[in-house]
C-alpha cells in the first residue's frame, strides 16, 4: 500500500521555512484553522502561502470545543469563512479529543454535535473528515458507525524524536475496523525548517486528495492559471502530473470515465 509522509502544524511551531521542509521530504501539511477564540491560527496565512509556493498540498483541522449543535455550527462556519477568504478548497478535519469539553457529553450527544459540524461543512461544499486519538475510538466517545468520512487517527507506537524518513512499522497502525485515511504516528518529529517538535503523519491516499478540484465554472480566468486534461494514461502518471502542476500553481483535474 502506498503511503505518504507529512506534518500537521499550528502557530505553536512558529515561523517555518517551507523550502527546507519540502527538501526534507514533506509531502503534505495539515494546518490548524481556527483557534478557541474564534480567530484564525496566528500563522495560518503565512503557512498557507509557504505551502502554495512550494507546491505542498494542504488541508486544515479544527480542534473543536463545541458542546451543542449551535456551537458546532458556529465553529464550522468560522472555518468555512477562513477557507473562502483564502480561496482554499480542501478537506476539513474535525479534531475530537478534548476530555474536558467533549467527553462529558456522552456518546449520543457528542455524535449529534459532530453531525452538525459535518452537515455545515459539507453543505458549504467542503469535504469533512474526523481526527481522533486511538483512545477516543476505543472508548467510543461517539458513534463511529454514523460517519463514513475520512478518518485520521493518532497512535504513537515508539517514543523519541523521529524524522520524516523514520516511518513506523505497519503492525502498529491504529486498528479501527475500517480503512484509515491518515495516521499521526508521533508528536515529537524533527523536520528541517521547523525549530520545534512537530506531529508527523502518514496518508494512505495521494496527498493531492487533501485538496478539492474546482468545477470548470468556478475556476477563475486568470493569467498564468490553466486547466489541463490528459487521456489514456494510468493513475500513477496522472497523479504525478497533478503534483507537478501543483508545484507550478496550475489547476488540474484527475478523473476517470465510468
Foldseek 3Di string as FASTA:
>chain_A
DDKAKAFEDACVLPFFQLVQQVVLRHQAYEYEAADPVLHGGPCVVVVVVSCLLQLRFYAYEYADLDQALVRLLSSLVSRVVRCVVVVFAFEYEYEPEDCVRQQVSAAVSNQNNVVSNCCNQVVSPHAYEYEYELVCLVVNSYDPVVDPGAYEYEDAPDDDEAERVPDDDPVRARDNPDDHQKYFHDQQYDGPRTPGGTTMMMGPDRSVNRGDADDPVPDDPDPQEEEDDDPDDDPVVVSVVCSVCSNSNYGYDDDDDD
